[in-house]
All heavy atoms as atom14 arrays in JSON, in Angstrom:
{
  "sequence": "GDIAQILDRNGSVISEVVIDKVTTRSVTTEC",
  "atom14_mask": [
    [1, 1, 1, 1, 0, 0, 0, 0, 0, 0, 0, 0, 0, 0],
    [1, 1, 1, 1, 1, 1, 1, 1, 0, 0, 0, 0, 0, 0],
    [1, 1, 1, 1, 1, 1, 1, 1, 0, 0, 0, 0, 0, 0],
    [1, 1, 1, 1, 1, 0, 0, 0, 0, 0, 0, 0, 0, 0],
    [1, 1, 1, 1, 1, 1, 1, 1, 1, 0, 0, 0, 0, 0],
    [1, 1, 1, 1, 1, 1, 1, 1, 0, 0, 0, 0, 0, 0],
    [1, 1, 1, 1, 1, 1, 1, 1, 0, 0, 0, 0, 0, 0],
    [1, 1, 1, 1, 1, 1, 1, 1, 0, 0, 0, 0, 0, 0],
    [1, 1, 1, 1, 1, 1, 1, 1, 1, 1, 1, 0, 0, 0],
    [1, 1, 1, 1, 1, 1, 1, 1, 0, 0, 0, 0, 0, 0],
    [1, 1, 1, 1, 0, 0, 0, 0, 0, 0, 0, 0, 0, 0],
    [1, 1, 1, 1, 1, 1, 0, 0, 0, 0, 0, 0, 0, 0],
    [1, 1, 1, 1, 1, 1, 1, 0, 0, 0, 0, 0, 0, 0],
    [1, 1, 1, 1, 1, 1, 1, 1, 0, 0, 0, 0, 0, 0],
    [1, 1, 1, 1, 1, 1, 0, 0, 0, 0, 0, 0, 0, 0],
    [1, 1, 1, 1, 1, 1, 1, 1, 1, 0, 0, 0, 0, 0],
    [1, 1, 1, 1, 1, 1, 1, 0, 0, 0, 0, 0, 0, 0],
    [1, 1, 1, 1, 1, 1, 1, 0, 0, 0, 0, 0, 0, 0],
    [1, 1, 1, 1, 1, 1, 1, 1, 0, 0, 0, 0, 0, 0],
    [1, 1, 1, 1, 1, 1, 1, 1, 0, 0, 0, 0, 0, 0],
    [1, 1, 1, 1, 1, 1, 1, 1, 1, 0, 0, 0, 0, 0],
    [1, 1, 1, 1, 1, 1, 1, 0, 0, 0, 0, 0, 0, 0],
    [1, 1, 1, 1, 1, 1, 1, 0, 0, 0, 0, 0, 0, 0],
    [1, 1, 1, 1, 1, 1, 1, 0, 0, 0, 0, 0, 0, 0],
    [1, 1, 1, 1, 1, 1, 1, 1, 1, 1, 1, 0, 0, 0],
    [1, 1, 1, 1, 1, 1, 0, 0, 0, 0, 0, 0, 0, 0],
    [1, 1, 1, 1, 1, 1, 1, 0, 0, 0, 0, 0, 0, 0],
    [1, 1, 1, 1, 1, 1, 1, 0, 0, 0, 0, 0, 0, 0],
    [1, 1, 1, 1, 1, 1, 1, 0, 0, 0, 0, 0, 0, 0],
    [1, 1, 1, 1, 1, 1, 1, 1, 1, 0, 0, 0, 0, 0],
    [1, 1, 1, 1, 1, 1, 0, 0, 0, 0, 0, 0, 0, 0]
  ],
  "atom14_positions": [
    [[-3.19, -9.39, -2.38], [-2.15, -10.28, -1.85], [-0.77, -9.72, -2.02], [0.16, -10.23, -1.32], [0.0, 0.0, 0.0], [0.0, 0.0, 0.0], [0.0, 0.0, 0.0], [0.0, 0.0, 0.0], [0.0, 0.0, 0.0], [0.0, 0.0, 0.0], [0.0, 0.0, 0.0], [0.0, 0.0, 0.0], [0.0, 0.0, 0.0], [0.0, 0.0, 0.0]],
    [[-0.54, -8.78, -2.9], [0.83, -8.2, -3.04], [1.12, -7.44, -1.8], [0.26, -6.86, -1.15], [0.84, -7.25, -4.26], [0.86, -7.99, -5.63], [1.05, -9.21, -5.65], [0.62, -7.31, -6.62], [0.0, 0.0, 0.0], [0.0, 0.0, 0.0], [0.0, 0.0, 0.0], [0.0, 0.0, 0.0], [0.0, 0.0, 0.0], [0.0, 0.0, 0.0]],
    [[2.43, -7.27, -1.5], [2.87, -6.52, -0.4], [3.28, -5.17, -0.92], [4.0, -5.02, -1.93], [4.09, -7.17, 0.31], [3.67, -8.49, 0.94], [4.66, -6.25, 1.4], [4.77, -9.29, 1.53], [0.0, 0.0, 0.0], [0.0, 0.0, 0.0], [0.0, 0.0, 0.0], [0.0, 0.0, 0.0], [0.0, 0.0, 0.0], [0.0, 0.0, 0.0]],
    [[2.74, -4.08, -0.27], [3.05, -2.69, -0.62], [3.8, -2.04, 0.49], [3.56, -2.35, 1.64], [1.79, -1.97, -0.95], [0.0, 0.0, 0.0], [0.0, 0.0, 0.0], [0.0, 0.0, 0.0], [0.0, 0.0, 0.0], [0.0, 0.0, 0.0], [0.0, 0.0, 0.0], [0.0, 0.0, 0.0], [0.0, 0.0, 0.0], [0.0, 0.0, 0.0]],
    [[4.67, -1.12, 0.16], [5.38, -0.33, 1.16], [4.73, 1.05, 1.19], [4.53, 1.64, 0.11], [6.89, -0.21, 0.78], [7.59, -1.5, 0.79], [9.03, -1.39, 0.29], [9.29, -0.7, -0.61], [9.9, -2.17, 0.91], [0.0, 0.0, 0.0], [0.0, 0.0, 0.0], [0.0, 0.0, 0.0], [0.0, 0.0, 0.0], [0.0, 0.0, 0.0]],
    [[4.49, 1.58, 2.38], [3.98, 2.89, 2.52], [5.23, 3.82, 2.71], [6.01, 3.52, 3.58], [3.07, 2.99, 3.77], [1.81, 2.12, 3.56], [2.59, 4.49, 3.91], [0.85, 2.08, 4.73], [0.0, 0.0, 0.0], [0.0, 0.0, 0.0], [0.0, 0.0, 0.0], [0.0, 0.0, 0.0], [0.0, 0.0, 0.0], [0.0, 0.0, 0.0]],
    [[5.29, 4.83, 1.87], [6.44, 5.73, 1.84], [6.1, 7.09, 2.32], [4.94, 7.57, 2.09], [7.09, 5.83, 0.44], [7.34, 4.51, -0.26], [7.77, 4.83, -1.69], [8.39, 3.74, 0.47], [0.0, 0.0, 0.0], [0.0, 0.0, 0.0], [0.0, 0.0, 0.0], [0.0, 0.0, 0.0], [0.0, 0.0, 0.0], [0.0, 0.0, 0.0]],
    [[7.04, 7.76, 2.99], [6.83, 9.15, 3.4], [7.23, 10.09, 2.3], [7.59, 9.67, 1.19], [7.52, 9.49, 4.75], [9.09, 9.4, 4.65], [9.58, 9.29, 3.44], [9.72, 9.51, 5.68], [0.0, 0.0, 0.0], [0.0, 0.0, 0.0], [0.0, 0.0, 0.0], [0.0, 0.0, 0.0], [0.0, 0.0, 0.0], [0.0, 0.0, 0.0]],
    [[7.29, 11.38, 2.59], [7.53, 12.38, 1.55], [8.96, 12.29, 1.0], [9.3, 12.77, -0.11], [7.29, 13.77, 2.06], [8.15, 14.09, 3.24], [7.86, 15.44, 3.83], [8.52, 16.45, 3.07], [8.14, 17.74, 3.03], [7.09, 18.12, 3.73], [8.79, 18.6, 2.3], [0.0, 0.0, 0.0], [0.0, 0.0, 0.0], [0.0, 0.0, 0.0]],
    [[9.87, 11.69, 1.77], [11.29, 11.51, 1.31], [11.52, 10.21, 0.62], [12.68, 9.91, 0.31], [12.21, 11.64, 2.5], [12.08, 13.0, 3.13], [12.08, 14.03, 2.41], [12.07, 13.11, 4.46], [0.0, 0.0, 0.0], [0.0, 0.0, 0.0], [0.0, 0.0, 0.0], [0.0, 0.0, 0.0], [0.0, 0.0, 0.0], [0.0, 0.0, 0.0]],
    [[10.49, 9.37, 0.49], [10.69, 8.07, -0.1], [11.16, 7.0, 0.84], [11.51, 5.9, 0.4], [0.0, 0.0, 0.0], [0.0, 0.0, 0.0], [0.0, 0.0, 0.0], [0.0, 0.0, 0.0], [0.0, 0.0, 0.0], [0.0, 0.0, 0.0], [0.0, 0.0, 0.0], [0.0, 0.0, 0.0], [0.0, 0.0, 0.0], [0.0, 0.0, 0.0]],
    [[11.14, 7.29, 2.15], [11.57, 6.28, 3.1], [10.38, 5.41, 3.5], [9.24, 5.92, 3.6], [12.07, 6.95, 4.36], [13.17, 7.82, 4.07], [0.0, 0.0, 0.0], [0.0, 0.0, 0.0], [0.0, 0.0, 0.0], [0.0, 0.0, 0.0], [0.0, 0.0, 0.0], [0.0, 0.0, 0.0], [0.0, 0.0, 0.0], [0.0, 0.0, 0.0]],
    [[10.63, 4.09, 3.72], [9.54, 3.16, 3.99], [9.06, 3.41, 5.46], [9.86, 3.39, 6.39], [10.03, 1.73, 3.81], [8.94, 0.74, 4.25], [10.44, 1.45, 2.38], [0.0, 0.0, 0.0], [0.0, 0.0, 0.0], [0.0, 0.0, 0.0], [0.0, 0.0, 0.0], [0.0, 0.0, 0.0], [0.0, 0.0, 0.0], [0.0, 0.0, 0.0]],
    [[7.78, 3.6, 5.62], [7.18, 3.75, 6.97], [6.76, 2.4, 7.43], [6.97, 2.06, 8.57], [5.94, 4.71, 6.91], [6.37, 6.12, 6.47], [5.24, 4.76, 8.24], [5.22, 7.06, 6.18], [0.0, 0.0, 0.0], [0.0, 0.0, 0.0], [0.0, 0.0, 0.0], [0.0, 0.0, 0.0], [0.0, 0.0, 0.0], [0.0, 0.0, 0.0]],
    [[6.06, 1.64, 6.55], [5.55, 0.26, 6.92], [5.27, -0.49, 5.68], [5.29, 0.04, 4.62], [4.32, 0.4, 7.85], [3.29, 0.99, 7.15], [0.0, 0.0, 0.0], [0.0, 0.0, 0.0], [0.0, 0.0, 0.0], [0.0, 0.0, 0.0], [0.0, 0.0, 0.0], [0.0, 0.0, 0.0], [0.0, 0.0, 0.0], [0.0, 0.0, 0.0]],
    [[4.94, -1.78, 5.91], [4.52, -2.61, 4.82], [3.11, -3.12, 5.09], [2.79, -3.47, 6.23], [5.51, -3.77, 4.66], [6.87, -3.38, 4.19], [7.82, -4.52, 3.99], [7.45, -5.67, 4.29], [8.92, -4.25, 3.5], [0.0, 0.0, 0.0], [0.0, 0.0, 0.0], [0.0, 0.0, 0.0], [0.0, 0.0, 0.0], [0.0, 0.0, 0.0]],
    [[2.27, -3.19, 4.08], [0.94, -3.69, 4.22], [0.59, -4.6, 3.05], [1.23, -4.55, 1.99], [-0.11, -2.49, 4.24], [0.03, -1.72, 5.5], [0.03, -1.61, 3.04], [0.0, 0.0, 0.0], [0.0, 0.0, 0.0], [0.0, 0.0, 0.0], [0.0, 0.0, 0.0], [0.0, 0.0, 0.0], [0.0, 0.0, 0.0], [0.0, 0.0, 0.0]],
    [[-0.46, -5.37, 3.21], [-0.92, -6.25, 2.14], [-2.08, -5.56, 1.35], [-2.94, -4.9, 1.97], [-1.44, -7.58, 2.74], [-1.99, -8.49, 1.64], [-0.28, -8.27, 3.41], [0.0, 0.0, 0.0], [0.0, 0.0, 0.0], [0.0, 0.0, 0.0], [0.0, 0.0, 0.0], [0.0, 0.0, 0.0], [0.0, 0.0, 0.0], [0.0, 0.0, 0.0]],
    [[-2.06, -5.65, 0.02], [-3.13, -5.06, -0.79], [-4.31, -5.96, -0.7], [-4.24, -7.18, -0.92], [-2.68, -4.87, -2.27], [-1.58, -3.82, -2.3], [-3.83, -4.51, -3.13], [-0.95, -3.65, -3.67], [0.0, 0.0, 0.0], [0.0, 0.0, 0.0], [0.0, 0.0, 0.0], [0.0, 0.0, 0.0], [0.0, 0.0, 0.0], [0.0, 0.0, 0.0]],
    [[-5.43, -5.42, -0.25], [-6.66, -6.16, 0.02], [-7.58, -6.2, -1.17], [-8.21, -7.24, -1.49], [-7.32, -5.51, 1.22], [-8.44, -6.4, 1.77], [-8.28, -7.61, 1.79], [-9.46, -5.83, 2.22], [0.0, 0.0, 0.0], [0.0, 0.0, 0.0], [0.0, 0.0, 0.0], [0.0, 0.0, 0.0], [0.0, 0.0, 0.0], [0.0, 0.0, 0.0]],
    [[-7.69, -5.05, -1.88], [-8.67, -4.95, -2.98], [-8.18, -4.02, -4.05], [-7.55, -2.95, -3.75], [-10.01, -4.43, -2.36], [-11.12, -4.26, -3.33], [-12.35, -3.69, -2.62], [-13.52, -3.45, -3.58], [-14.65, -2.86, -2.9], [0.0, 0.0, 0.0], [0.0, 0.0, 0.0], [0.0, 0.0, 0.0], [0.0, 0.0, 0.0], [0.0, 0.0, 0.0]],
    [[-8.38, -4.31, -5.33], [-8.02, -3.44, -6.39], [-9.27, -3.26, -7.28], [-9.88, -4.22, -7.74], [-6.89, -4.09, -7.29], [-6.52, -3.25, -8.41], [-5.69, -4.47, -6.47], [0.0, 0.0, 0.0], [0.0, 0.0, 0.0], [0.0, 0.0, 0.0], [0.0, 0.0, 0.0], [0.0, 0.0, 0.0], [0.0, 0.0, 0.0], [0.0, 0.0, 0.0]],
    [[-9.58, -1.98, -7.52], [-10.73, -1.67, -8.38], [-10.19, -0.9, -9.56], [-8.95, -0.73, -9.72], [-11.78, -0.75, -7.63], [-11.18, 0.5, -7.35], [-12.26, -1.45, -6.4], [0.0, 0.0, 0.0], [0.0, 0.0, 0.0], [0.0, 0.0, 0.0], [0.0, 0.0, 0.0], [0.0, 0.0, 0.0], [0.0, 0.0, 0.0], [0.0, 0.0, 0.0]],
    [[-11.06, -0.44, -10.42], [-10.58, 0.28, -11.62], [-9.97, 1.66, -11.33], [-9.22, 2.13, -12.14], [-11.8, 0.49, -12.62], [-12.81, 1.21, -11.93], [-12.34, -0.82, -13.1], [0.0, 0.0, 0.0], [0.0, 0.0, 0.0], [0.0, 0.0, 0.0], [0.0, 0.0, 0.0], [0.0, 0.0, 0.0], [0.0, 0.0, 0.0], [0.0, 0.0, 0.0]],
    [[-10.24, 2.19, -10.14], [-9.72, 3.55, -9.86], [-8.88, 3.59, -8.53], [-8.21, 4.58, -8.34], [-10.87, 4.54, -9.72], [-11.65, 4.64, -11.01], [-12.8, 5.53, -10.82], [-12.31, 6.96, -10.89], [-13.04, 7.98, -10.67], [-14.33, 7.78, -10.4], [-12.62, 9.15, -10.71], [0.0, 0.0, 0.0], [0.0, 0.0, 0.0], [0.0, 0.0, 0.0]],
    [[-8.97, 2.57, -7.73], [-8.24, 2.65, -6.46], [-7.76, 1.29, -5.94], [-8.18, 0.27, -6.42], [-9.15, 3.32, -5.35], [-10.22, 2.46, -5.08], [0.0, 0.0, 0.0], [0.0, 0.0, 0.0], [0.0, 0.0, 0.0], [0.0, 0.0, 0.0], [0.0, 0.0, 0.0], [0.0, 0.0, 0.0], [0.0, 0.0, 0.0], [0.0, 0.0, 0.0]],
    [[-6.87, 1.35, -4.96], [-6.35, 0.2, -4.27], [-6.66, 0.4, -2.81], [-6.5, 1.49, -2.24], [-4.82, 0.15, -4.46], [-4.19, -0.96, -3.64], [-4.46, 0.0, -5.91], [0.0, 0.0, 0.0], [0.0, 0.0, 0.0], [0.0, 0.0, 0.0], [0.0, 0.0, 0.0], [0.0, 0.0, 0.0], [0.0, 0.0, 0.0], [0.0, 0.0, 0.0]],
    [[-7.07, -0.69, -2.17], [-7.34, -0.66, -0.74], [-6.43, -1.61, -0.06], [-6.22, -2.72, -0.48], [-8.8, -1.06, -0.4], [-9.68, -0.22, -1.11], [-9.11, -0.96, 1.09], [0.0, 0.0, 0.0], [0.0, 0.0, 0.0], [0.0, 0.0, 0.0], [0.0, 0.0, 0.0], [0.0, 0.0, 0.0], [0.0, 0.0, 0.0], [0.0, 0.0, 0.0]],
    [[-5.74, -1.15, 0.98], [-4.85, -2.01, 1.78], [-5.51, -2.59, 2.96], [-6.6, -2.03, 3.39], [-3.54, -1.25, 2.17], [-3.92, -0.04, 2.8], [-2.7, -0.91, 0.98], [0.0, 0.0, 0.0], [0.0, 0.0, 0.0], [0.0, 0.0, 0.0], [0.0, 0.0, 0.0], [0.0, 0.0, 0.0], [0.0, 0.0, 0.0], [0.0, 0.0, 0.0]],
    [[-4.93, -3.56, 3.62], [-5.54, -4.18, 4.74], [-5.8, -3.25, 5.9], [-6.64, -3.53, 6.76], [-4.73, -5.42, 5.21], [-3.39, -5.01, 5.75], [-2.54, -6.2, 6.19], [-3.02, -7.35, 6.07], [-1.38, -6.04, 6.56], [0.0, 0.0, 0.0], [0.0, 0.0, 0.0], [0.0, 0.0, 0.0], [0.0, 0.0, 0.0], [0.0, 0.0, 0.0]],
    [[-5.08, -2.11, 5.97], [-5.3, -1.16, 7.04], [-6.52, -0.35, 6.8], [-6.89, 0.49, 7.62], [-4.08, -0.33, 7.16], [-3.62, 0.71, 5.78], [0.0, 0.0, 0.0], [0.0, 0.0, 0.0], [0.0, 0.0, 0.0], [0.0, 0.0, 0.0], [0.0, 0.0, 0.0], [0.0, 0.0, 0.0], [0.0, 0.0, 0.0], [0.0, 0.0, 0.0]]
  ]
}
């Protein structure tokens, strides 16, 4: 449910997505 920003190599925001799932090793976004 948290909102995450996807950043490019320069740290600029490309887009925003919602975090869909969090496991012990990874995060999955709604995309």
